[in-house]
Amino acid sequence: MMPIRRLDNNKLALIGILLISLFLNGLGLWWGLPSYDGWAVDEIVPARVQNGIANGFSRGWNDSYPPLHYYLLTLSYSPIFLFQQFHPLTEDDLNTALFYMGRILSALMGAGIVLLVYLCGREIYDELSALIAGGLTMGIAPFVYYAKTANVDVPYVFWVICSLFFYIRILKNHRLRDYLWFAATATLAVCTKDQAYGFYVLAPLPILWSRYAFEKRRNDAASWIATLINRKNLAALGAGALVFILTQNLLFNWDGFIAHFKFIAGPAQIYSNYTHTVAGHASMTWQSVKHLLFSFGWPSFLLCCAGLGYALLQQKKNYLLLALLIPVISYDIFFINVILHDFDRYFLAICIIFTFFGGKFGADILRSRHIGRLVGLALLSVTGVYSVWYALSVDLAMVNDSRYHVEAWIKENLPPQASIALADDRVFLPRDYLWDCQNCFYPSRMISMEKLKRLNPDYLVINADLQTRMNSEFYGELRRESSPYARILGYRWRSKYLLLDRDDIYKNGKRMIVTNLDKINPQIEIFQRKPLRRSPQN
C-alpha cells in the first residue's frame, strides 16, 4: 500500500480559504432567477450567447464585450444542451438552467482567482503571506457580487491575475515558456474585457529592465538593443498575436470585430464624470481611493495600505512585490484617466493586487517580536472576520432582496386583472410573470405625470432608488397630496447586522460610490390610483 500523505496546516488553510470563497461566491447564486433578464446590470444572459452560437460567432456577430467569455459560456452550457437532447426542457426551464451554468462558471473562476493569488504569493514570498493575500481577496465586496453573476468582470480579472503569475516568473527566471504564457494570458484578458489592455501598456518596461540586468550579470557586453530584440520577446509577441487572431475569430468575423471596436470607441464611451484638468484628475484619484475603501472595508483597506507603505520603505527586499505596481500605474494612466470615469468594478484587479501588500504585512505582523504573536493574531483575526462578514453582507442583501417580498405581496393583494405599470427596466423591478399579471406594461423609467395620467393604470410599481436619482421631479409629484396616486406599499429588507448597506453608498441622498451593488435590495414602492371624487348632488 502507498503511504497516505497528510496535508500540512498551510494546505489545510488554503483548502479552507477556497471553500469559504466558494461559499461566498455561491450564496445568492439564484438572485433574480428564474428570469430572462436577471437583476444584474450588464450580465450576459443566455439569449445573447445563443445568438452568438446561432451565428457561429461569425458573419458579423458582435456584442458589448469581446468573444472569449461567450466561448466559455458556450462550453459551460454544453451539459445542458446534451441533457436537452434526451430530456427536452421547456423554454423557461432551459433558460434558467443556462443562467445557472453561466453564474456557476463565474463562481468557479472567482475561487480560481483566490487560488491564483496564493500561487502568485508563493512566487513572491512565503506561504503565510500568500495565504493572507488569498484570504483578503475572497472578502472584497464587489468581487463576491460579480463572482455570482454572468458578467465578464470576474472572468477578465481571472486572466489578468493569471498573466501576473507569469509576469512574476519572468522577472525571476526569464524562461521562454513564461514569456509565452504571459503573452497568451494577457491577450485572453483583453479578449474577455477590452479595458484589460491598460494593465499591459507599461508592463514590458520592468520585464526589459530585469532582462537587461539578467543578461548583464551573465555577459558584460550585453546591450539594450539585444535585450529589446531577442527571440523570447519576439516569440511572446507572436504568441500574443496568434491568440488574439484566433480568439477574436478575425479570419471569419472581421466585420464583427470592427463593429465591436467602433462600439467601444464610440457609443460605449458615455460616462465621463471628471474634466481633463489637474483638479479633475485629482478629484478622480480621491474618489478612486474611496472605491478601494468601499471594496475592502476599513480593516483590510488599512492593512493593504500599511503593507504598501512598508514595501516602499524596503524596496530592495520587495522588488518583485513592487513590480506589481507597474501594471496598476499603467491601468490608471491608460484606462481610468482616459475614460475619466471610476466605477468600483474597474478597481477589482487593483484591489486584488493590493492584497499582496496586505498579505506580506499581515504575515510580518504575526512574526513580529515587538507586537507579540497573540496581539498580531488577534488583529488579523478581527480583520479576517470583518472581511468575511463584510462580503457576506452583500450575499445576505441578495438572498433577502426586497423584490422577492414585493412579488409575493402583489400576488396576494392585487387582482390579476388589474392594469399595472412598471416604470423602469425589467432588471430593476419585481418579475411580473411571477404573479400572473394579465395587464402589465413598462412605460419606461423617465415617465412623466402627464403620461401616467394618459395611461391611467390601476397601479404603478417603481424602483424608488432609481426614480429619486434619475427622475426626481416625477417622483416628487407622485408623492404629493395632490397626486392622483397614493402609495400603498414601500419595502426594502433591512438588518442591523449588515456591515455593508446602502448607507455606505449614499450620504444625505448623494451617491458617494459608483457601484452596481446599489441595485441589490432596492426600495420598491407601489401606488394605487385614487378613486375619483364625485361632486355633491344638488
Protein backbone atom coordinates (compact mmCIF):
# COMPACT_ATOMS: atom_id res chain seq x y z
CA MET A 1 0.00 0.00 0.00
CA MET A 2 1.13 3.52 -0.76
CA PRO A 3 1.58 5.66 2.36
CA ILE A 4 -1.16 8.26 2.91
CA ARG A 5 0.30 11.75 2.80
CA ARG A 6 -1.07 14.09 5.43
CA LEU A 7 -1.81 17.65 4.44
CA ASP A 8 0.16 20.21 6.39
CA ASN A 9 -1.54 23.14 8.12
CA ASN A 10 -0.84 25.56 5.26
CA LYS A 11 -2.50 23.29 2.70
CA LEU A 12 -5.48 22.81 5.00
CA ALA A 13 -5.69 26.60 5.42
CA LEU A 14 -5.64 27.04 1.63
CA ILE A 15 -8.42 24.48 1.20
CA GLY A 16 -10.41 26.27 3.91
CA ILE A 17 -9.97 29.64 2.19
CA LEU A 18 -11.06 28.19 -1.16
CA LEU A 19 -14.13 26.57 0.39
CA ILE A 20 -15.12 29.82 2.12
CA SER A 21 -14.60 31.65 -1.17
CA LEU A 22 -16.87 29.18 -2.98
CA PHE A 23 -19.48 29.62 -0.26
CA LEU A 24 -19.38 33.43 -0.50
CA ASN A 25 -19.47 33.24 -4.31
CA GLY A 26 -22.28 30.68 -4.37
CA LEU A 27 -24.61 32.14 -1.73
CA GLY A 28 -27.27 34.06 -3.63
CA LEU A 29 -26.35 32.48 -6.98
CA TRP A 30 -30.10 32.28 -7.64
CA TRP A 31 -30.57 36.05 -7.25
CA GLY A 32 -33.36 37.18 -9.59
CA LEU A 33 -33.91 33.72 -11.10
CA PRO A 34 -35.90 32.41 -12.84
CA SER A 35 -35.81 35.25 -15.33
CA TYR A 36 -34.87 36.03 -18.90
CA ASP A 37 -33.17 39.28 -17.90
CA GLY A 38 -31.87 38.71 -14.36
CA TRP A 39 -31.31 41.54 -11.92
CA ALA A 40 -27.59 42.12 -12.61
CA VAL A 41 -26.68 45.08 -14.82
CA ASP A 42 -24.64 44.11 -17.92
CA GLU A 43 -24.97 40.39 -17.22
CA ILE A 44 -24.52 38.17 -20.28
CA VAL A 45 -27.89 36.45 -20.42
CA PRO A 46 -28.32 33.10 -22.22
CA ALA A 47 -30.17 34.67 -25.16
CA ARG A 48 -27.07 36.70 -26.07
CA VAL A 49 -24.85 33.62 -26.03
CA GLN A 50 -27.38 31.60 -28.00
CA ASN A 51 -27.45 34.35 -30.62
CA GLY A 52 -23.68 34.01 -30.95
CA ILE A 53 -23.94 30.23 -31.20
CA ALA A 54 -26.61 30.52 -33.91
CA ASN A 55 -24.22 32.73 -35.92
CA GLY A 56 -21.18 30.59 -35.19
CA PHE A 57 -19.70 33.72 -33.59
CA SER A 58 -19.04 34.75 -37.20
CA ARG A 59 -20.75 36.56 -40.10
CA GLY A 60 -20.59 39.94 -38.38
CA TRP A 61 -21.63 38.74 -34.93
CA ASN A 62 -20.62 41.15 -32.14
CA ASP A 63 -21.73 42.14 -28.67
CA SER A 64 -20.82 44.55 -25.88
CA TYR A 65 -17.76 42.51 -24.93
CA PRO A 66 -15.06 40.58 -26.80
CA PRO A 67 -15.88 36.95 -27.62
CA LEU A 68 -13.76 34.84 -25.22
CA HIS A 69 -16.21 34.59 -22.36
CA TYR A 70 -19.01 33.83 -24.79
CA TYR A 71 -16.98 30.78 -25.86
CA LEU A 72 -16.51 29.73 -22.24
CA LEU A 73 -20.21 30.22 -21.54
CA THR A 74 -20.98 28.04 -24.56
CA LEU A 75 -18.79 25.29 -23.08
CA SER A 76 -20.50 25.67 -19.70
CA TYR A 77 -23.88 25.35 -21.43
CA SER A 78 -22.84 22.14 -23.20
CA PRO A 79 -24.02 19.70 -20.46
CA ILE A 80 -27.46 21.37 -20.52
CA PHE A 81 -27.63 21.18 -24.31
CA LEU A 82 -26.67 17.50 -24.11
CA PHE A 83 -29.30 16.85 -21.45
CA GLN A 84 -31.83 18.67 -23.64
CA GLN A 85 -31.31 16.08 -26.39
CA PHE A 86 -32.56 13.25 -24.16
CA HIS A 87 -34.92 15.07 -21.79
CA PRO A 88 -36.39 18.14 -23.52
CA LEU A 89 -36.86 21.13 -21.23
CA THR A 90 -39.39 23.89 -21.58
CA GLU A 91 -38.05 27.17 -22.88
CA ASP A 92 -38.29 28.71 -19.39
CA ASP A 93 -36.51 25.79 -17.70
CA LEU A 94 -33.80 25.73 -20.35
CA ASN A 95 -33.15 29.45 -19.92
CA THR A 96 -32.96 29.10 -16.12
CA ALA A 97 -30.56 26.14 -16.36
CA LEU A 98 -28.29 28.06 -18.74
CA PHE A 99 -28.40 31.10 -16.46
CA TYR A 100 -27.22 28.95 -13.56
CA MET A 101 -24.38 27.41 -15.58
CA GLY A 102 -23.09 30.86 -16.53
CA ARG A 103 -23.17 32.00 -12.92
CA ILE A 104 -21.53 28.80 -11.66
CA LEU A 105 -18.72 29.45 -14.13
CA SER A 106 -18.17 32.88 -12.55
CA ALA A 107 -18.21 31.40 -9.03
CA LEU A 108 -15.56 28.84 -10.01
CA MET A 109 -13.41 31.47 -11.72
CA GLY A 110 -13.75 33.60 -8.57
CA ALA A 111 -12.37 30.77 -6.45
CA GLY A 112 -9.73 30.31 -9.16
CA ILE A 113 -8.65 33.93 -8.66
CA VAL A 114 -8.15 33.26 -4.93
CA LEU A 115 -6.01 30.23 -5.81
CA LEU A 116 -4.02 32.28 -8.34
CA VAL A 117 -3.39 34.97 -5.73
CA TYR A 118 -1.96 32.28 -3.46
CA LEU A 119 0.22 30.92 -6.29
CA CYS A 120 1.46 34.41 -7.16
CA GLY A 121 2.22 35.00 -3.50
CA ARG A 122 4.27 31.81 -3.35
CA GLU A 123 6.35 33.14 -6.24
CA ILE A 124 6.91 36.46 -4.46
CA TYR A 125 7.30 35.50 -0.81
CA ASP A 126 6.46 32.90 1.84
CA GLU A 127 3.37 30.70 2.18
CA LEU A 128 1.84 32.52 5.14
CA SER A 129 1.87 35.84 3.25
CA ALA A 130 0.33 34.12 0.23
CA LEU A 131 -2.46 32.64 2.35
CA ILE A 132 -3.31 36.01 3.90
CA ALA A 133 -3.40 37.62 0.45
CA GLY A 134 -5.82 34.92 -0.74
CA GLY A 135 -7.96 35.46 2.35
CA LEU A 136 -8.12 39.21 1.73
CA THR A 137 -9.14 38.62 -1.88
CA MET A 138 -12.16 36.47 -1.10
CA GLY A 139 -13.64 39.22 1.12
CA ILE A 140 -13.66 42.06 -1.45
CA ALA A 141 -17.31 43.15 -1.66
CA PRO A 142 -17.70 43.76 -5.44
CA PHE A 143 -15.71 40.57 -6.02
CA VAL A 144 -18.28 38.34 -4.28
CA TYR A 145 -21.07 40.14 -6.14
CA TYR A 146 -19.59 39.63 -9.61
CA ALA A 147 -18.50 36.10 -8.72
CA LYS A 148 -22.16 35.06 -8.70
CA THR A 149 -23.33 36.81 -11.87
CA ALA A 150 -22.54 36.08 -15.51
CA ASN A 151 -20.81 39.44 -16.03
CA VAL A 152 -17.32 39.47 -17.53
CA ASP A 153 -15.72 41.27 -14.58
CA VAL A 154 -14.54 38.24 -12.59
CA PRO A 155 -13.56 36.30 -15.76
CA TYR A 156 -11.34 39.09 -17.12
CA VAL A 157 -9.74 39.59 -13.69
CA PHE A 158 -9.07 35.84 -13.61
CA TRP A 159 -6.98 36.17 -16.77
CA VAL A 160 -5.28 39.35 -15.51
CA ILE A 161 -4.12 37.64 -12.30
CA CYS A 162 -3.13 34.57 -14.31
CA SER A 163 -0.95 36.79 -16.53
CA LEU A 164 0.61 38.39 -13.42
CA PHE A 165 1.66 34.93 -12.26
CA PHE A 166 3.76 34.55 -15.41
CA TYR A 167 4.85 38.20 -15.23
CA ILE A 168 6.38 37.48 -11.81
CA ARG A 169 8.02 34.30 -13.07
CA ILE A 170 9.54 36.21 -15.98
CA LEU A 171 11.09 38.72 -13.60
CA LYS A 172 12.53 35.85 -11.56
CA ASN A 173 13.88 33.49 -14.22
CA HIS A 174 13.28 34.80 -17.75
CA ARG A 175 12.26 31.43 -19.13
CA LEU A 176 10.79 31.28 -22.62
CA ARG A 177 7.68 29.39 -21.54
CA ASP A 178 6.80 32.14 -19.06
CA TYR A 179 7.11 34.78 -21.80
CA LEU A 180 4.73 32.76 -24.00
CA TRP A 181 2.21 32.14 -21.24
CA PHE A 182 2.30 35.78 -20.15
CA ALA A 183 1.57 36.97 -23.67
CA ALA A 184 -1.20 34.40 -24.12
CA THR A 185 -3.00 35.06 -20.82
CA ALA A 186 -2.67 38.84 -21.14
CA THR A 187 -4.27 38.57 -24.57
CA LEU A 188 -7.06 36.39 -23.16
CA ALA A 189 -7.73 39.09 -20.55
CA VAL A 190 -8.12 41.71 -23.28
CA CYS A 191 -10.27 39.31 -25.30
CA THR A 192 -12.59 38.97 -22.29
CA LYS A 193 -12.96 42.67 -21.48
CA ASP A 194 -11.29 45.35 -23.59
CA GLN A 195 -10.24 47.58 -20.69
CA ALA A 196 -7.68 44.96 -19.56
CA TYR A 197 -5.28 46.42 -22.14
CA GLY A 198 -4.48 49.15 -19.62
CA PHE A 199 -2.54 46.76 -17.39
CA TYR A 200 -0.09 45.86 -20.15
CA VAL A 201 0.94 49.16 -21.74
CA LEU A 202 3.80 49.68 -19.25
CA ALA A 203 4.28 46.02 -18.20
CA PRO A 204 7.08 45.41 -20.76
CA LEU A 205 9.28 48.08 -19.10
CA PRO A 206 10.12 46.15 -15.89
CA ILE A 207 10.48 42.98 -17.97
CA LEU A 208 13.02 44.65 -20.28
CA TRP A 209 14.88 46.23 -17.35
CA SER A 210 15.03 42.93 -15.50
CA ARG A 211 16.09 41.12 -18.68
CA TYR A 212 18.89 43.61 -19.26
CA ALA A 213 20.16 43.21 -15.68
CA PHE A 214 19.86 39.42 -16.04
CA GLU A 215 21.92 39.41 -19.23
CA LYS A 216 24.43 41.91 -17.83
CA ARG A 217 25.20 39.56 -14.94
CA ARG A 218 25.96 36.82 -17.44
CA ASN A 219 27.70 38.92 -20.07
CA ASP A 220 29.22 42.39 -19.65
CA ALA A 221 28.79 43.01 -23.37
CA ALA A 222 25.01 42.79 -23.14
CA SER A 223 23.24 45.76 -24.78
CA TRP A 224 19.80 47.32 -24.68
CA ILE A 225 19.28 46.60 -28.37
CA ALA A 226 19.95 42.90 -27.84
CA THR A 227 17.63 42.95 -24.83
CA LEU A 228 14.85 44.56 -26.84
CA ILE A 229 15.19 42.36 -29.89
CA ASN A 230 15.63 38.77 -28.83
CA ARG A 231 13.83 35.53 -29.56
CA LYS A 232 11.88 35.49 -26.29
CA ASN A 233 10.34 38.91 -26.86
CA LEU A 234 9.61 38.12 -30.50
CA ALA A 235 8.14 34.73 -29.59
CA ALA A 236 5.92 36.39 -26.96
CA LEU A 237 4.69 38.97 -29.47
CA GLY A 238 3.97 36.21 -31.95
CA ALA A 239 2.12 34.15 -29.35
CA GLY A 240 0.03 37.13 -28.30
CA ALA A 241 -0.82 37.98 -31.91
CA LEU A 242 -1.77 34.38 -32.69
CA VAL A 243 -4.00 34.08 -29.61
CA PHE A 244 -5.64 37.42 -30.47
CA ILE A 245 -6.35 36.40 -34.07
CA LEU A 246 -7.81 33.04 -33.05
CA THR A 247 -9.80 34.30 -30.08
CA GLN A 248 -11.26 37.29 -31.91
CA ASN A 249 -12.01 34.99 -34.87
CA LEU A 250 -10.57 37.59 -37.23
CA LEU A 251 -10.44 35.19 -40.18
CA PHE A 252 -14.19 34.56 -40.16
CA ASN A 253 -15.60 37.55 -38.27
CA TRP A 254 -13.60 40.59 -39.29
CA ASP A 255 -16.76 42.67 -39.74
CA GLY A 256 -17.92 41.73 -36.23
CA PHE A 257 -14.56 42.70 -34.76
CA ILE A 258 -14.65 46.10 -36.49
CA ALA A 259 -18.24 46.68 -35.34
CA HIS A 260 -17.28 45.88 -31.75
CA PHE A 261 -14.24 48.17 -31.94
CA LYS A 262 -16.40 51.03 -33.23
CA PHE A 263 -18.84 50.44 -30.39
CA ILE A 264 -16.23 50.59 -27.60
CA ALA A 265 -14.58 53.62 -29.20
CA GLY A 266 -17.89 55.44 -29.66
CA PRO A 267 -21.27 54.68 -28.03
CA ALA A 268 -19.67 52.78 -25.14
CA GLN A 269 -17.84 55.95 -24.03
CA ILE A 270 -20.88 57.61 -22.49
CA TYR A 271 -19.59 58.12 -18.97
CA SER A 272 -17.24 60.94 -18.08
CA ASN A 273 -17.55 62.31 -14.56
CA TYR A 274 -14.41 64.43 -14.47
CA THR A 275 -12.63 67.03 -16.57
CA HIS A 276 -9.22 66.78 -18.22
CA THR A 277 -7.70 69.21 -15.71
CA VAL A 278 -5.36 68.86 -12.76
CA ALA A 279 -8.29 69.41 -10.41
CA GLY A 280 -10.40 66.89 -12.32
CA HIS A 281 -7.76 64.16 -12.19
CA ALA A 282 -7.03 64.88 -8.53
CA SER A 283 -10.73 64.64 -7.69
CA MET A 284 -10.99 61.34 -9.56
CA THR A 285 -7.94 59.97 -7.74
CA TRP A 286 -9.51 60.76 -4.37
CA GLN A 287 -12.74 59.10 -5.49
CA SER A 288 -10.70 56.07 -6.56
CA VAL A 289 -9.33 55.77 -3.02
CA LYS A 290 -12.93 55.82 -1.75
CA HIS A 291 -13.78 52.99 -4.13
CA LEU A 292 -10.89 50.93 -2.80
CA LEU A 293 -12.02 51.57 0.78
CA PHE A 294 -15.59 50.64 -0.11
CA SER A 295 -14.46 47.44 -1.82
CA PHE A 296 -12.29 46.25 1.08
CA GLY A 297 -13.91 47.64 4.22
CA TRP A 298 -11.80 49.56 6.76
CA PRO A 299 -9.63 46.80 8.34
CA SER A 300 -8.48 45.18 5.08
CA PHE A 301 -8.01 48.58 3.43
CA LEU A 302 -5.76 49.80 6.24
CA LEU A 303 -3.81 46.54 6.23
CA CYS A 304 -3.15 46.79 2.48
CA CYS A 305 -2.22 50.49 2.71
CA ALA A 306 0.19 49.76 5.56
CA GLY A 307 1.64 46.91 3.51
CA LEU A 308 2.17 49.18 0.52
CA GLY A 309 3.96 51.78 2.64
CA TYR A 310 6.01 49.08 4.34
CA ALA A 311 7.10 47.63 0.98
CA LEU A 312 8.09 51.06 -0.33
CA LEU A 313 10.32 51.57 2.72
CA GLN A 314 12.08 48.28 1.98
CA GLN A 315 12.36 48.46 -1.78
CA LYS A 316 15.37 46.21 -2.23
CA LYS A 317 13.75 43.37 -0.29
CA ASN A 318 10.43 43.74 -2.11
CA TYR A 319 11.32 44.41 -5.73
CA LEU A 320 9.05 41.61 -7.05
CA LEU A 321 6.17 42.86 -4.92
CA LEU A 322 6.68 46.46 -6.03
CA ALA A 323 6.91 45.35 -9.66
CA LEU A 324 3.16 44.63 -9.41
CA LEU A 325 2.57 48.38 -9.10
CA ILE A 326 3.67 48.92 -12.71
CA PRO A 327 0.54 47.26 -14.19
CA VAL A 328 -1.57 49.21 -11.66
CA ILE A 329 0.02 52.52 -12.69
CA SER A 330 -0.31 51.56 -16.34
CA TYR A 331 -4.03 50.79 -15.96
CA ASP A 332 -4.65 54.03 -14.09
CA ILE A 333 -2.87 56.15 -16.70
CA PHE A 334 -4.06 54.44 -19.87
CA PHE A 335 -7.59 53.45 -18.90
CA ILE A 336 -9.02 55.19 -15.82
CA ASN A 337 -7.52 58.60 -16.67
CA VAL A 338 -8.58 58.24 -20.29
CA ILE A 339 -12.25 57.47 -19.74
CA LEU A 340 -12.47 59.81 -16.70
CA HIS A 341 -14.99 57.58 -15.01
CA ASP A 342 -14.39 55.43 -11.95
CA PHE A 343 -16.69 52.51 -11.20
CA ASP A 344 -15.97 50.19 -8.27
CA ARG A 345 -15.74 47.21 -10.64
CA TYR A 346 -12.99 48.98 -12.59
CA PHE A 347 -10.82 48.55 -9.49
CA LEU A 348 -11.36 44.83 -8.93
CA ALA A 349 -7.97 43.79 -10.25
CA ILE A 350 -6.25 46.70 -8.45
CA CYS A 351 -7.86 45.62 -5.16
CA ILE A 352 -6.57 42.10 -5.69
CA ILE A 353 -3.08 43.33 -6.48
CA PHE A 354 -3.13 45.36 -3.27
CA THR A 355 -3.87 42.19 -1.29
CA PHE A 356 -0.30 41.07 -2.00
CA PHE A 357 0.92 44.01 0.06
CA GLY A 358 -1.60 43.31 2.82
CA GLY A 359 -0.59 39.66 2.84
CA LYS A 360 3.09 40.43 3.33
CA PHE A 361 2.43 42.99 6.05
CA GLY A 362 -0.02 40.69 7.83
CA ALA A 363 2.49 37.85 7.90
CA ASP A 364 5.18 40.20 9.21
CA ILE A 365 2.80 41.29 12.00
CA LEU A 366 2.35 37.66 13.03
CA ARG A 367 6.11 37.16 13.13
CA SER A 368 6.90 40.47 14.82
CA ARG A 369 8.58 40.27 18.23
CA HIS A 370 7.64 43.86 19.00
CA ILE A 371 3.88 43.35 18.62
CA GLY A 372 3.68 39.84 20.01
CA ARG A 373 2.25 36.78 18.33
CA LEU A 374 -1.04 36.80 20.25
CA VAL A 375 -1.67 40.50 19.57
CA GLY A 376 -0.80 40.05 15.90
CA LEU A 377 -3.04 37.01 15.66
CA ALA A 378 -5.89 38.94 17.30
CA LEU A 379 -5.51 41.87 14.87
CA LEU A 380 -5.50 39.61 11.82
CA SER A 381 -8.39 37.53 13.18
CA VAL A 382 -10.53 40.66 13.59
CA THR A 383 -9.58 41.74 10.07
CA GLY A 384 -10.43 38.32 8.66
CA VAL A 385 -13.78 38.04 10.43
CA TYR A 386 -14.73 41.59 9.46
CA SER A 387 -13.73 40.95 5.83
CA VAL A 388 -15.81 37.78 5.55
CA TRP A 389 -18.82 39.39 7.25
CA TYR A 390 -18.44 42.47 5.04
CA ALA A 391 -18.61 40.26 1.96
CA LEU A 392 -21.40 38.17 3.48
CA SER A 393 -23.45 41.37 3.87
CA VAL A 394 -23.62 41.52 0.06
CA ASP A 395 -24.84 37.92 -0.07
CA LEU A 396 -27.47 38.44 2.62
CA ALA A 397 -28.84 41.50 0.84
CA MET A 398 -29.10 39.48 -2.37
CA VAL A 399 -30.76 36.50 -0.69
CA ASN A 400 -33.30 38.80 1.00
CA ASP A 401 -33.76 41.20 -1.92
CA SER A 402 -36.84 43.36 -1.47
CA ARG A 403 -38.33 42.25 -4.79
CA TYR A 404 -38.99 38.73 -3.50
CA HIS A 405 -41.27 40.16 -0.79
CA VAL A 406 -42.94 42.58 -3.20
CA GLU A 407 -43.65 39.81 -5.73
CA ALA A 408 -45.35 37.72 -3.03
CA TRP A 409 -47.28 40.78 -1.77
CA ILE A 410 -48.59 41.65 -5.23
CA LYS A 411 -49.66 38.07 -5.89
CA GLU A 412 -51.58 38.02 -2.62
CA ASN A 413 -53.08 41.53 -2.61
CA LEU A 414 -53.61 42.81 -6.17
CA PRO A 415 -56.32 41.46 -8.51
CA PRO A 416 -54.90 39.56 -11.54
CA GLN A 417 -56.99 41.62 -13.98
CA ALA A 418 -55.64 44.96 -12.69
CA SER A 419 -53.56 47.10 -15.04
CA ILE A 420 -50.10 47.60 -13.58
CA ALA A 421 -47.46 49.98 -14.91
CA LEU A 422 -43.87 49.02 -14.03
CA ALA A 423 -41.95 52.23 -14.60
CA ASP A 424 -38.38 51.07 -15.08
CA ASP A 425 -36.23 48.47 -16.83
CA ARG A 426 -37.09 44.85 -16.00
CA VAL A 427 -33.73 44.27 -14.30
CA PHE A 428 -34.61 46.82 -11.61
CA LEU A 429 -38.14 45.68 -10.78
CA PRO A 430 -40.08 42.68 -9.46
CA ARG A 431 -40.67 39.94 -12.03
CA ASP A 432 -44.20 40.46 -13.40
CA TYR A 433 -44.72 36.90 -14.66
CA LEU A 434 -44.45 35.53 -11.11
CA TRP A 435 -47.87 36.91 -10.17
CA ASP A 436 -49.61 36.02 -13.46
CA CYS A 437 -50.15 39.63 -14.40
CA GLN A 438 -52.66 39.85 -17.25
CA ASN A 439 -52.22 43.55 -17.93
CA CYS A 440 -48.69 44.64 -17.03
CA PHE A 441 -46.72 47.08 -19.15
CA TYR A 442 -43.46 49.04 -18.99
CA PRO A 443 -43.86 52.76 -19.80
CA SER A 444 -40.10 53.50 -19.22
CA ARG A 445 -38.18 54.89 -16.27
CA MET A 446 -38.44 58.52 -17.40
CA ILE A 447 -42.21 58.64 -17.12
CA SER A 448 -43.94 61.96 -16.50
CA MET A 449 -47.10 62.69 -14.55
CA GLU A 450 -48.85 63.69 -17.78
CA LYS A 451 -48.01 60.34 -19.39
CA LEU A 452 -49.07 58.47 -16.27
CA LYS A 453 -52.45 60.20 -16.33
CA ARG A 454 -52.91 59.27 -20.00
CA LEU A 455 -52.02 55.64 -19.37
CA ASN A 456 -54.19 55.62 -16.25
CA PRO A 457 -53.10 52.25 -14.79
CA ASP A 458 -54.74 50.88 -11.67
CA TYR A 459 -51.34 50.51 -10.01
CA LEU A 460 -47.83 51.83 -10.50
CA VAL A 461 -44.69 49.91 -9.42
CA ILE A 462 -41.40 51.81 -9.23
CA ASN A 463 -37.85 51.40 -8.04
CA ALA A 464 -37.80 54.42 -5.72
CA ASP A 465 -34.00 54.46 -5.53
CA LEU A 466 -33.66 54.99 -9.27
CA GLN A 467 -36.65 57.31 -9.55
CA THR A 468 -35.21 59.51 -6.80
CA ARG A 469 -31.91 59.80 -8.64
CA MET A 470 -32.96 59.70 -12.29
CA ASN A 471 -36.49 61.15 -12.32
CA SER A 472 -36.76 63.16 -9.13
CA GLU A 473 -39.28 65.69 -10.44
CA PHE A 474 -41.81 62.98 -11.30
CA TYR A 475 -41.17 61.15 -8.04
CA GLY A 476 -41.78 64.34 -6.09
CA GLU A 477 -45.10 64.95 -7.89
CA LEU A 478 -46.12 61.33 -7.34
CA ARG A 479 -45.75 61.63 -3.57
CA ARG A 480 -47.67 64.90 -3.21
CA GLU A 481 -51.11 65.03 -1.64
CA SER A 482 -52.49 66.28 -4.94
CA SER A 483 -51.18 63.26 -6.84
CA PRO A 484 -53.85 61.01 -8.42
CA TYR A 485 -51.99 58.04 -6.90
CA ALA A 486 -51.47 57.03 -3.26
CA ARG A 487 -48.65 54.85 -2.00
CA ILE A 488 -49.86 51.53 -0.64
CA LEU A 489 -46.51 49.75 -0.21
CA GLY A 490 -42.90 50.74 0.32
CA TYR A 491 -40.43 47.98 1.10
CA ARG A 492 -36.72 47.33 1.50
CA TRP A 493 -35.28 44.46 3.55
CA ARG A 494 -33.25 45.78 6.47
CA SER A 495 -30.95 44.22 9.05
CA LYS A 496 -28.86 45.83 11.76
CA TYR A 497 -26.28 43.07 11.40
CA LEU A 498 -25.00 44.09 7.95
CA LEU A 499 -21.57 45.69 7.77
CA LEU A 500 -22.26 46.96 4.27
CA ASP A 501 -25.54 48.56 3.30
CA ARG A 502 -26.92 51.46 1.27
CA ASP A 503 -25.78 53.99 3.87
CA ASP A 504 -22.22 53.25 2.72
CA ILE A 505 -23.20 54.12 -0.86
CA TYR A 506 -25.44 57.15 -0.26
CA LYS A 507 -24.98 60.00 2.19
CA ASN A 508 -27.84 62.50 2.56
CA GLY A 509 -29.28 61.33 -0.74
CA LYS A 510 -25.97 61.84 -2.60
CA ARG A 511 -24.35 58.88 -4.32
CA MET A 512 -20.87 58.50 -2.80
CA ILE A 513 -19.78 55.31 -4.57
CA VAL A 514 -20.42 54.35 -8.19
CA THR A 515 -21.36 50.70 -7.87
CA ASN A 516 -23.88 48.16 -9.07
CA LEU A 517 -24.22 46.94 -5.50
CA ASP A 518 -26.82 49.67 -5.08
CA LYS A 519 -29.04 47.66 -7.44
CA ILE A 520 -29.39 44.98 -4.74
CA ASN A 521 -32.41 45.11 -2.42
CA PRO A 522 -33.85 48.40 -3.77
CA GLN A 523 -36.71 50.37 -2.24
CA ILE A 524 -39.76 49.20 -4.20
CA GLU A 525 -42.92 51.28 -3.96
CA ILE A 526 -46.43 50.57 -5.23
CA PHE A 527 -49.01 53.28 -5.85
CA GLN A 528 -52.72 52.82 -6.36
CA ARG A 529 -54.94 55.14 -8.38
CA LYS A 530 -57.16 57.16 -6.08
CA PRO A 531 -60.91 56.90 -6.63
CA LEU A 532 -62.41 59.87 -8.43
CA ARG A 533 -64.17 62.32 -6.17
CA ARG A 534 -67.78 62.87 -7.11
CA SER A 535 -69.30 66.30 -6.97
CA PRO A 536 -72.03 66.65 -4.35
CA GLN A 537 -75.52 66.48 -5.89
CA ASN A 538 -77.82 69.45 -5.57
